[in-house]
């Protein structure tokens, strides 16, 4: 049994202007999980992500990395960032090299890997993200969707244990949003967790193993998506709507007792149940 990748115990964060962004956050991120983080604007999602990657330091509370206390020493920060990769909502923040290939090579190169290992890591990351054809292009010439895939490739090249993504589908049309989620499914494994923030309750319900809902800097709900989104009080507090699959199924249950106890996870699950009626 592996320890959590990251553990936060009563962690708080206060900005220099005295704004308290996070309050008493207690959280374990387990290996192999797909976790969706939700909350209205200002709930503290971005601040939490910066804490997970040690971009900022907790004002209070304790953090453990792979079961060991984390003290923000330079060596510890370096090790954590090799295992915890963050992909920002705006990929321009992290794309700075003259070519896509150089950008993707940057992470493994700075990990001290041999040239052969760096090139193999970049190659595999490009294959997974379908960015091989973009290899020689300057990142600033790419579309938003291409930039996001290149940013993900740069993180994947370091083979992280935890990938943290801030609104990975923001700015994408439905087709490319679906492609993005398929990519995240492809790179997820029992040895890698993915944590993403989203405002899309339907995406979170269908994709995630676990949902975390933040409100005013506090975790107000954490658990499986079905029970999280069935809590009307939490949904109202956090300005969230119930996923459409649950709304439709609730209506169907009222009309047909045979539907009881078989809540679908995806649109396909729902259609399969309807075929049996």
Protein backbone atom coordinates (compact mmCIF):
# COMPACT_ATOMS: atom_id res chain seq x y z
CA UNK A 1 0.00 0.00 0.00
CA UNK A 2 1.54 3.28 -1.14
CA UNK A 3 1.26 6.45 0.96
CA UNK A 4 -0.68 9.36 -0.57
CA UNK A 5 1.28 11.35 -3.13
CA UNK A 6 0.47 14.50 -1.17
CA UNK A 7 -1.22 14.99 2.19
CA UNK A 8 -2.41 18.34 3.51
CA UNK A 9 -3.41 18.67 7.16
CA UNK A 10 -5.22 21.83 8.27
CA UNK A 11 -3.39 23.85 5.62
CA UNK A 12 -4.23 27.54 5.22
CA UNK A 13 -2.86 30.24 2.93
CA UNK A 14 -3.02 34.00 3.33
CA UNK A 15 -1.86 36.45 0.66
CA UNK A 16 0.24 39.52 1.49
CA UNK A 17 -2.88 41.72 1.33
CA UNK A 18 -4.36 39.62 4.20
CA UNK A 19 -6.79 37.78 1.91
CA UNK A 20 -7.26 34.25 3.27
CA UNK A 21 -7.51 32.03 0.19
CA UNK A 22 -7.49 28.61 1.89
CA UNK A 23 -8.71 27.65 5.35
CA UNK A 24 -7.93 24.42 7.22
CA UNK A 25 -7.61 22.22 4.12
CA UNK A 26 -7.19 18.54 4.97
CA UNK A 27 -6.73 16.40 1.90
CA UNK A 28 -5.04 13.20 0.69
CA UNK A 29 -4.27 12.67 -3.00
CA UNK A 30 -4.00 8.94 -3.55
CA UNK A 31 -2.08 7.19 -6.29
CA UNK A 32 -4.05 6.17 -9.39
CA UNK A 33 -7.00 8.53 -8.85
CA UNK A 34 -8.86 10.82 -11.26
CA UNK A 35 -9.95 13.80 -9.18
CA UNK A 36 -12.05 16.80 -10.22
CA UNK A 37 -11.83 20.04 -8.25
CA UNK A 38 -14.84 22.35 -8.46
CA UNK A 39 -15.91 25.63 -6.91
CA UNK A 40 -17.12 29.07 -7.89
CA UNK A 41 -14.67 31.82 -8.83
CA UNK A 42 -12.61 32.84 -5.81
CA UNK A 43 -13.14 29.51 -4.06
CA UNK A 44 -9.38 28.90 -3.83
CA UNK A 45 -8.80 26.37 -6.61
CA UNK A 46 -5.82 28.13 -8.22
CA UNK A 47 -4.22 28.79 -4.84
CA UNK A 48 -4.52 25.13 -3.91
CA UNK A 49 -2.84 24.13 -7.17
CA UNK A 50 0.08 26.48 -6.51
CA UNK A 51 0.49 24.95 -3.05
CA UNK A 52 0.56 21.42 -4.46
CA UNK A 53 3.50 22.34 -6.68
CA UNK A 54 5.28 24.38 -3.97
CA UNK A 55 5.02 27.58 -6.04
CA UNK A 56 3.75 29.15 -2.83
CA UNK A 57 4.31 28.07 0.78
CA UNK A 58 1.48 27.24 3.17
CA UNK A 59 0.88 29.90 5.81
CA UNK A 60 -0.20 27.29 8.33
CA UNK A 61 -0.65 23.54 8.62
CA UNK A 62 1.44 20.56 7.55
CA UNK A 63 2.17 19.01 4.15
CA UNK A 64 3.55 15.55 3.48
CA UNK A 65 5.02 14.39 0.18
CA UNK A 66 5.03 10.62 -0.34
CA UNK A 67 4.43 10.15 3.37
CA UNK A 68 7.31 12.38 4.54
CA UNK A 69 7.01 15.88 6.05
CA UNK A 70 7.67 18.59 3.45
CA UNK A 71 9.81 21.50 4.64
CA UNK A 72 10.36 23.52 1.41
CA UNK A 73 14.10 22.91 1.26
CA UNK A 74 15.47 23.43 -2.25
CA UNK A 75 16.22 19.73 -2.71
CA UNK A 76 12.70 18.78 -1.55
CA UNK A 77 11.07 21.31 -3.87
CA UNK A 78 13.08 20.00 -6.82
CA UNK A 79 12.05 16.41 -6.07
CA UNK A 80 8.39 17.34 -5.60
CA UNK A 81 8.26 19.19 -8.93
CA UNK A 82 9.65 16.13 -10.68
CA UNK A 83 6.70 14.13 -9.35
CA UNK A 84 3.98 16.80 -9.38
CA UNK A 85 3.53 18.55 -12.72
CA UNK A 86 1.15 21.47 -13.17
CA UNK A 87 -0.44 22.56 -16.45
CA UNK A 88 -1.82 26.09 -16.25
CA UNK A 89 -5.08 27.20 -17.84
CA UNK A 90 -3.13 29.59 -20.06
CA UNK A 91 -0.39 27.48 -21.71
CA UNK A 92 1.53 30.59 -22.78
CA UNK A 93 2.70 30.86 -19.17
CA UNK A 94 4.83 27.72 -19.53
CA UNK A 95 5.78 27.64 -23.21
CA UNK A 96 8.93 29.67 -23.79
CA UNK A 97 11.36 27.71 -25.98
CA UNK A 98 11.95 28.47 -29.68
CA UNK A 99 10.42 25.14 -30.75
CA UNK A 100 7.89 22.62 -29.46
CA UNK A 101 10.59 19.96 -29.26
CA UNK A 102 12.87 22.12 -27.12
CA UNK A 103 9.98 22.98 -24.83
CA UNK A 104 9.11 19.32 -24.27
CA UNK A 105 12.78 18.43 -23.71
CA UNK A 106 13.24 21.18 -21.11
CA UNK A 107 11.85 19.28 -18.11
CA UNK A 108 13.70 15.96 -18.47
CA UNK A 109 16.88 17.82 -19.49
CA UNK A 110 16.81 19.75 -16.20
CA UNK A 111 16.28 16.52 -14.28
CA UNK A 112 19.85 15.59 -15.22
CA UNK A 113 18.92 12.72 -17.51
CA UNK A 114 21.26 11.52 -20.24
CA UNK A 115 20.75 12.90 -23.76
CA UNK A 116 19.39 9.53 -24.88
CA UNK A 117 16.88 9.42 -22.02
CA UNK A 118 15.83 13.05 -22.64
CA UNK A 119 15.16 12.34 -26.30
CA UNK A 120 13.24 9.15 -25.53
CA UNK A 121 11.12 10.94 -22.89
CA UNK A 122 10.30 13.74 -25.36
CA UNK A 123 9.49 11.23 -28.11
CA UNK A 124 7.09 9.27 -25.91
CA UNK A 125 5.42 12.46 -24.65
CA UNK A 126 4.87 13.67 -28.22
CA UNK A 127 3.42 10.31 -29.24
CA UNK A 128 0.95 10.35 -26.35
CA UNK A 129 -0.15 13.92 -27.05
CA UNK A 130 -0.07 13.65 -30.86
CA UNK A 131 2.31 16.59 -31.14
CA UNK A 132 5.00 14.97 -33.33
CA UNK A 133 3.92 17.02 -36.38
CA UNK A 134 4.39 20.22 -34.34
CA UNK A 135 7.93 19.33 -33.30
CA UNK A 136 9.75 22.14 -35.12
CA UNK A 137 7.09 24.84 -34.83
CA UNK A 138 7.47 27.85 -32.50
CA UNK A 139 4.89 27.44 -29.70
CA UNK A 140 3.49 30.97 -30.13
CA UNK A 141 2.30 30.05 -33.64
CA UNK A 142 0.07 27.23 -32.37
CA UNK A 143 -3.66 27.19 -31.67
CA UNK A 144 -4.87 27.15 -28.06
CA UNK A 145 -5.63 23.43 -28.28
CA UNK A 146 -2.20 22.66 -29.70
CA UNK A 147 -0.52 24.75 -27.02
CA UNK A 148 -2.38 22.87 -24.30
CA UNK A 149 -1.26 19.52 -25.72
CA UNK A 150 2.34 20.73 -25.92
CA UNK A 151 2.18 21.97 -22.30
CA UNK A 152 0.88 18.56 -21.24
CA UNK A 153 3.63 16.85 -23.26
CA UNK A 154 6.23 18.92 -21.43
CA UNK A 155 4.90 17.67 -18.10
CA UNK A 156 4.51 14.08 -19.30
CA UNK A 157 8.14 14.02 -20.43
CA UNK A 158 9.11 14.20 -16.74
CA UNK A 159 6.92 11.15 -15.99
CA UNK A 160 5.11 12.72 -13.01
CA UNK A 161 3.21 10.78 -10.37
CA UNK A 162 0.59 13.53 -10.18
CA UNK A 163 -0.59 15.76 -13.02
CA UNK A 164 -2.42 18.92 -11.97
CA UNK A 165 -4.40 20.71 -14.69
CA UNK A 166 -6.17 24.04 -14.34
CA UNK A 167 -9.28 24.09 -16.57
CA UNK A 168 -7.78 21.88 -19.32
CA UNK A 169 -10.83 22.23 -21.60
CA UNK A 170 -11.21 26.02 -21.24
CA UNK A 171 -11.20 27.74 -24.62
CA UNK A 172 -11.68 24.49 -26.56
CA UNK A 173 -14.67 23.66 -28.75
CA UNK A 174 -16.65 20.49 -27.88
CA UNK A 175 -14.66 18.29 -30.29
CA UNK A 176 -11.26 19.27 -28.91
CA UNK A 177 -12.54 19.30 -25.34
CA UNK A 178 -13.52 15.65 -25.84
CA UNK A 179 -10.09 14.93 -27.37
CA UNK A 180 -8.45 16.55 -24.35
CA UNK A 181 -10.35 14.35 -21.90
CA UNK A 182 -9.50 11.27 -23.97
CA UNK A 183 -5.84 12.27 -23.74
CA UNK A 184 -6.10 12.52 -19.96
CA UNK A 185 -7.70 9.08 -19.84
CA UNK A 186 -4.85 7.74 -21.97
CA UNK A 187 -2.11 9.09 -19.69
CA UNK A 188 -3.86 8.15 -16.45
CA UNK A 189 -2.74 4.89 -14.83
CA UNK A 190 -2.51 3.09 -11.51
CA UNK A 191 0.91 4.74 -11.12
CA UNK A 192 -0.29 8.26 -11.99
CA UNK A 193 -3.05 10.43 -10.56
CA UNK A 194 -4.70 13.33 -12.37
CA UNK A 195 -6.24 16.29 -10.59
CA UNK A 196 -8.06 18.87 -12.69
CA UNK A 197 -10.15 21.92 -11.95
CA UNK A 198 -13.31 22.53 -13.92
CA UNK A 199 -16.61 24.41 -13.83
CA UNK A 200 -18.23 21.65 -15.90
CA UNK A 201 -20.23 19.42 -13.55
CA UNK A 202 -21.10 17.04 -16.39
CA UNK A 203 -17.43 16.50 -17.19
CA UNK A 204 -16.59 16.01 -13.51
CA UNK A 205 -19.43 13.53 -12.96
CA UNK A 206 -18.58 11.35 -15.96
CA UNK A 207 -14.78 11.47 -15.70
CA UNK A 208 -13.75 11.63 -12.06
CA UNK A 209 -13.37 8.91 -9.43
CA UNK A 210 -13.51 11.58 -6.76
CA UNK A 211 -14.85 15.13 -6.54
CA UNK A 212 -13.60 17.92 -4.29
CA UNK A 213 -15.76 21.03 -3.94
CA UNK A 214 -14.28 24.23 -2.55
CA UNK A 215 -16.23 27.20 -1.23
CA UNK A 216 -14.64 30.32 0.24
CA UNK A 217 -11.34 28.51 0.75
CA UNK A 218 -12.77 25.47 2.51
CA UNK A 219 -13.49 21.94 1.33
CA UNK A 220 -17.26 21.60 1.67
CA UNK A 221 -17.53 18.22 -0.03
CA UNK A 222 -15.20 15.39 -0.96
CA UNK A 223 -16.24 11.98 -2.22
CA UNK A 224 -17.60 10.03 -5.16
CA UNK A 225 -19.28 12.15 -7.85
CA UNK A 226 -22.74 10.61 -7.42
CA UNK A 227 -23.12 11.49 -3.74
CA UNK A 228 -21.37 14.86 -4.16
CA UNK A 229 -23.77 16.09 -6.83
CA UNK A 230 -26.87 14.69 -5.14
CA UNK A 231 -26.33 17.07 -2.22
CA UNK A 232 -28.61 19.99 -3.12
CA UNK A 233 -27.38 22.14 -0.23
CA UNK A 234 -23.75 21.83 -1.36
CA UNK A 235 -24.69 22.52 -4.98
CA UNK A 236 -26.54 25.69 -4.06
CA UNK A 237 -23.78 26.88 -1.74
CA UNK A 238 -21.15 26.38 -4.45
CA UNK A 239 -23.29 27.67 -7.36
CA UNK A 240 -23.25 24.26 -9.05
CA UNK A 241 -25.97 22.48 -10.98
CA UNK A 242 -26.75 18.78 -10.87
CA UNK A 243 -25.25 16.90 -13.87
CA UNK A 244 -27.81 16.42 -16.63
CA UNK A 245 -27.51 12.61 -16.50
CA UNK A 246 -28.60 12.63 -12.86
CA UNK A 247 -31.45 15.07 -13.55
CA UNK A 248 -32.78 12.95 -16.41
CA UNK A 249 -32.43 9.73 -14.47
CA UNK A 250 -34.20 11.17 -11.41
CA UNK A 251 -37.17 11.98 -13.66
CA UNK A 252 -37.12 8.50 -15.22
CA UNK A 253 -37.09 6.85 -11.79
CA UNK A 254 -40.28 8.66 -10.86
CA UNK A 255 -41.99 7.10 -13.90
CA UNK A 256 -40.48 3.61 -13.80
CA UNK A 257 -39.59 1.59 -10.70
CA UNK A 258 -37.34 -0.68 -12.76
CA UNK A 259 -34.82 2.16 -13.03
CA UNK A 260 -34.23 2.28 -9.26
CA UNK A 261 -30.68 1.73 -8.01
CA UNK A 262 -28.94 1.81 -11.39
CA UNK A 263 -27.58 5.34 -11.65
CA UNK A 264 -25.65 5.74 -14.93
CA UNK A 265 -22.19 7.31 -15.03
CA UNK A 266 -22.07 8.23 -18.73
CA UNK A 267 -24.45 9.00 -21.58
CA UNK A 268 -23.80 5.50 -22.95
CA UNK A 269 -24.75 3.98 -19.57
CA UNK A 270 -28.01 5.92 -19.64
CA UNK A 271 -28.86 4.84 -23.20
CA UNK A 272 -28.04 1.23 -22.38
CA UNK A 273 -30.47 1.34 -19.46
CA UNK A 274 -33.18 2.87 -21.62
CA UNK A 275 -32.83 0.01 -24.11
CA UNK A 276 -33.71 -2.46 -21.38
CA UNK A 277 -37.05 -0.83 -20.60
